[in-house]
Structure formats: structure tokens, C-alpha cells
Amino acid sequence: MMNRLLAIFPNLFQGAARRDDVPIYVELGSYLRRFAPSYDPRQGITLHCARNITIADLLTTLRLPHARSAIVTVNRSLVGLDYKLKEGDRVGIFSSALGG
């Protein structure tokens, strides 16, 4: 699992899972997928995160470009950067509209 995770997010810090970590499911929008080369959109990725990690913390950890301006949903509802993730949450990270 950790090898697959590192292949998807090569910048992710590799650390041992702790007993109090909680699983969350992450889906990336199409633009952000290019920064996670091994990401499979049919599967998404399950991450084990510290309890009460915020969306802002998650985005910082994933180190995706433009993630701070991303649109983020949890369980299909829009959330702010201060939202605290809970066990089993489904997080969607989508690039905000790009225009010109």
C-alpha cells in the first residue's frame, strides 16, 4: 500500500501508520491528476491520516500545485480549509476554473 501511495504522490512523506490514524478516501479532479502520475481515477486512493487533520493540512501534505485554490468536497459537499476530516470521509480535490 505505501509503495502504491508513494508512486501516486512521490512527494508524500513516508511514515509509519499510527494506531490513531483514520482512513480517508481521496479523488483528484482531472487537472490535478497530472501531478500524481500513477493515480487511477477508477480507484482513487485511501490515505491514513492523523485524527482531526484539516483540509488545509491534507493539501499541504499532498503538495499538489494550485491545491490551495482548489475546490474541495467532503462526502459530496463543499467544505472550507478548516474542515476536520473524520474516519471514512470521501474527499474530492478539484482545480478551480482556469480562464484566460
Foldseek 3Di string as FASTA:
>chain_A
DVVLVCLQQVQADDDDADPQWAKEFEAEAPVQSVNRVSADNVRGDIDTGHFFDFQLNVCVRSVTPQQQQWFKDWPNHTDDRNDGDDHYIYMYTYHDDDDD
